Amino acid sequence: MKLLKEAEEIVIKKNLTVKDYNRFTEIGKKLTDETEIYIYSREQEAFELRLPEIAAKEGNYLFARENG
């Protein structure tokens, strides 16, 4: 649950960065428990709604392709 808490904290951060995106993605890859994966998927939906904030700072969505 420690990783899920970290993912939640990233989602609610005031200013998201590419570093946050990378860490959030990394957390998702580390989860193995079905319940944790389900909870993460809910956080992921909220995080994806905030991707335009990172893209606005970066000028594009290339950061998402590099890890996708």
N, C-alpha and C. Protein backbone atom coordinates (compact mmCIF):
# COMPACT_ATOMS: atom_id res chain seq x y z
N MET A 1 0.82 -1.21 0.00
CA MET A 1 0.00 0.00 0.00
C MET A 1 0.86 1.27 0.00
N LYS A 2 2.13 1.13 0.31
CA LYS A 2 3.02 2.29 0.32
C LYS A 2 3.11 2.92 -1.07
N LEU A 3 3.20 2.07 -2.09
CA LEU A 3 3.27 2.59 -3.46
C LEU A 3 1.97 3.28 -3.85
N LEU A 4 0.84 2.74 -3.42
CA LEU A 4 -0.45 3.37 -3.73
C LEU A 4 -0.56 4.74 -3.09
N LYS A 5 -0.06 4.87 -1.88
CA LYS A 5 -0.09 6.16 -1.20
C LYS A 5 0.77 7.17 -1.97
N GLU A 6 1.91 6.72 -2.44
CA GLU A 6 2.78 7.60 -3.22
C GLU A 6 2.09 8.02 -4.52
N ALA A 7 1.42 7.07 -5.17
CA ALA A 7 0.69 7.40 -6.41
C ALA A 7 -0.40 8.43 -6.13
N GLU A 8 -1.11 8.24 -5.03
CA GLU A 8 -2.17 9.19 -4.66
C GLU A 8 -1.60 10.58 -4.41
N GLU A 9 -0.46 10.63 -3.73
CA GLU A 9 0.17 11.92 -3.44
C GLU A 9 0.61 12.62 -4.73
N ILE A 10 1.05 11.86 -5.71
CA ILE A 10 1.43 12.45 -7.00
C ILE A 10 0.20 13.04 -7.67
N VAL A 11 -0.89 12.30 -7.68
CA VAL A 11 -2.11 12.77 -8.35
C VAL A 11 -2.61 14.09 -7.77
N ILE A 12 -2.47 14.28 -6.47
CA ILE A 12 -3.02 15.49 -5.85
C ILE A 12 -2.02 16.65 -5.75
N LYS A 13 -0.79 16.43 -6.27
CA LYS A 13 0.19 17.51 -6.26
C LYS A 13 -0.33 18.73 -7.00
N LYS A 14 0.06 19.89 -6.53
CA LYS A 14 -0.37 21.13 -7.16
C LYS A 14 0.26 21.30 -8.55
N ASN A 15 1.55 21.02 -8.66
CA ASN A 15 2.26 21.20 -9.92
C ASN A 15 2.90 19.88 -10.34
N LEU A 16 2.38 19.28 -11.39
CA LEU A 16 2.92 18.02 -11.89
C LEU A 16 4.06 18.27 -12.87
N THR A 17 5.01 17.35 -12.87
CA THR A 17 6.16 17.44 -13.76
C THR A 17 6.33 16.12 -14.51
N VAL A 18 7.24 16.11 -15.45
CA VAL A 18 7.56 14.87 -16.17
C VAL A 18 8.12 13.85 -15.17
N LYS A 19 8.88 14.30 -14.21
CA LYS A 19 9.41 13.40 -13.18
C LYS A 19 8.25 12.70 -12.45
N ASP A 20 7.20 13.45 -12.14
CA ASP A 20 6.02 12.86 -11.50
C ASP A 20 5.37 11.83 -12.41
N TYR A 21 5.27 12.15 -13.68
CA TYR A 21 4.70 11.22 -14.65
C TYR A 21 5.50 9.93 -14.69
N ASN A 22 6.81 10.07 -14.75
CA ASN A 22 7.67 8.89 -14.81
C ASN A 22 7.54 8.03 -13.56
N ARG A 23 7.51 8.66 -12.40
CA ARG A 23 7.38 7.91 -11.15
C ARG A 23 6.01 7.23 -11.07
N PHE A 24 4.95 7.94 -11.44
CA PHE A 24 3.61 7.37 -11.41
C PHE A 24 3.54 6.14 -12.31
N THR A 25 4.13 6.23 -13.48
CA THR A 25 4.15 5.11 -14.42
C THR A 25 4.95 3.94 -13.84
N GLU A 26 6.07 4.25 -13.22
CA GLU A 26 6.92 3.22 -12.61
C GLU A 26 6.16 2.48 -11.50
N ILE A 27 5.41 3.21 -10.70
CA ILE A 27 4.63 2.60 -9.63
C ILE A 27 3.66 1.58 -10.21
N GLY A 28 2.98 1.94 -11.27
CA GLY A 28 2.02 1.03 -11.89
C GLY A 28 2.65 -0.26 -12.35
N LYS A 29 3.88 -0.19 -12.81
CA LYS A 29 4.58 -1.39 -13.29
C LYS A 29 5.02 -2.30 -12.15
N LYS A 30 5.15 -1.76 -10.95
CA LYS A 30 5.62 -2.53 -9.80
C LYS A 30 4.49 -3.27 -9.07
N LEU A 31 3.27 -2.87 -9.28
CA LEU A 31 2.16 -3.48 -8.54
C LEU A 31 1.85 -4.87 -9.08
N THR A 32 1.57 -5.80 -8.16
CA THR A 32 1.23 -7.17 -8.56
C THR A 32 -0.09 -7.66 -7.98
N ASP A 33 -0.51 -7.10 -6.86
CA ASP A 33 -1.75 -7.49 -6.21
C ASP A 33 -2.94 -6.94 -6.98
N GLU A 34 -3.93 -7.78 -7.25
CA GLU A 34 -5.09 -7.36 -8.05
C GLU A 34 -5.83 -6.17 -7.44
N THR A 35 -5.98 -6.17 -6.13
CA THR A 35 -6.68 -5.07 -5.47
C THR A 35 -5.90 -3.77 -5.63
N GLU A 36 -4.60 -3.85 -5.46
CA GLU A 36 -3.76 -2.66 -5.63
C GLU A 36 -3.79 -2.16 -7.07
N ILE A 37 -3.78 -3.07 -8.01
CA ILE A 37 -3.84 -2.69 -9.42
C ILE A 37 -5.16 -1.99 -9.72
N TYR A 38 -6.24 -2.50 -9.14
CA TYR A 38 -7.55 -1.87 -9.33
C TYR A 38 -7.56 -0.45 -8.76
N ILE A 39 -7.06 -0.30 -7.55
CA ILE A 39 -7.02 1.02 -6.93
C ILE A 39 -6.13 1.96 -7.74
N TYR A 40 -5.00 1.45 -8.20
CA TYR A 40 -4.09 2.25 -9.03
C TYR A 40 -4.79 2.70 -10.30
N SER A 41 -5.57 1.82 -10.91
CA SER A 41 -6.25 2.18 -12.16
C SER A 41 -7.20 3.36 -11.94
N ARG A 42 -7.79 3.44 -10.78
CA ARG A 42 -8.66 4.58 -10.46
C ARG A 42 -7.83 5.86 -10.34
N GLU A 43 -6.69 5.75 -9.70
CA GLU A 43 -5.79 6.90 -9.58
C GLU A 43 -5.27 7.29 -10.96
N GLN A 44 -5.03 6.29 -11.80
CA GLN A 44 -4.52 6.53 -13.14
C GLN A 44 -5.51 7.35 -13.97
N GLU A 45 -6.78 7.08 -13.81
CA GLU A 45 -7.79 7.87 -14.53
C GLU A 45 -7.71 9.33 -14.13
N ALA A 46 -7.58 9.59 -12.84
CA ALA A 46 -7.46 10.97 -12.36
C ALA A 46 -6.17 11.60 -12.87
N PHE A 47 -5.10 10.83 -12.88
CA PHE A 47 -3.81 11.35 -13.33
C PHE A 47 -3.86 11.70 -14.82
N GLU A 48 -4.48 10.85 -15.61
CA GLU A 48 -4.57 11.10 -17.05
C GLU A 48 -5.32 12.39 -17.36
N LEU A 49 -6.27 12.75 -16.53
CA LEU A 49 -6.99 14.00 -16.73
C LEU A 49 -6.08 15.22 -16.53
N ARG A 50 -4.98 15.01 -15.84
CA ARG A 50 -4.06 16.10 -15.56
C ARG A 50 -2.86 16.15 -16.51
N LEU A 51 -2.78 15.21 -17.45
CA LEU A 51 -1.66 15.21 -18.40
C LEU A 51 -1.52 16.52 -19.17
N PRO A 52 -2.63 17.19 -19.53
CA PRO A 52 -2.47 18.47 -20.22
C PRO A 52 -1.68 19.52 -19.43
N GLU A 53 -1.67 19.42 -18.11
CA GLU A 53 -0.88 20.35 -17.30
C GLU A 53 0.61 20.15 -17.57
N ILE A 54 1.02 18.90 -17.64
CA ILE A 54 2.44 18.62 -17.92
C ILE A 54 2.76 19.00 -19.36
N ALA A 55 1.87 18.67 -20.27
CA ALA A 55 2.09 18.99 -21.69
C ALA A 55 2.20 20.50 -21.89
N ALA A 56 1.44 21.27 -21.15
CA ALA A 56 1.51 22.73 -21.28
C ALA A 56 2.89 23.24 -20.89
N LYS A 57 3.49 22.64 -19.87
CA LYS A 57 4.83 23.04 -19.43
C LYS A 57 5.89 22.57 -20.41
N GLU A 58 5.70 21.36 -20.95
CA GLU A 58 6.69 20.77 -21.84
C GLU A 58 6.54 21.24 -23.29
N GLY A 59 5.35 21.67 -23.64
CA GLY A 59 5.09 22.12 -25.00
C GLY A 59 4.60 21.02 -25.92
N ASN A 60 4.50 19.80 -25.38
CA ASN A 60 4.04 18.66 -26.18
C ASN A 60 3.77 17.46 -25.27
N TYR A 61 3.36 16.37 -25.88
CA TYR A 61 3.09 15.13 -25.14
C TYR A 61 4.17 14.07 -25.38
N LEU A 62 5.32 14.46 -25.85
CA LEU A 62 6.38 13.49 -26.13
C LEU A 62 6.81 12.73 -24.88
N PHE A 63 6.72 13.34 -23.73
CA PHE A 63 7.09 12.66 -22.49
C PHE A 63 6.26 11.40 -22.29
N ALA A 64 5.01 11.41 -22.73
CA ALA A 64 4.13 10.25 -22.59
C ALA A 64 4.51 9.15 -23.57
N ARG A 65 4.95 9.50 -24.74
CA ARG A 65 5.34 8.51 -25.74
C ARG A 65 6.62 7.79 -25.36
N GLU A 66 7.53 8.53 -24.74
CA GLU A 66 8.81 7.95 -24.35
C GLU A 66 8.64 6.80 -23.36
N ASN A 67 7.59 6.86 -22.56
CA ASN A 67 7.36 5.83 -21.55
C ASN A 67 6.23 4.89 -21.92
N GLY A 68 5.51 5.21 -22.95
CA GLY A 68 4.33 4.44 -23.29
C GLY A 68 4.64 3.21 -24.01
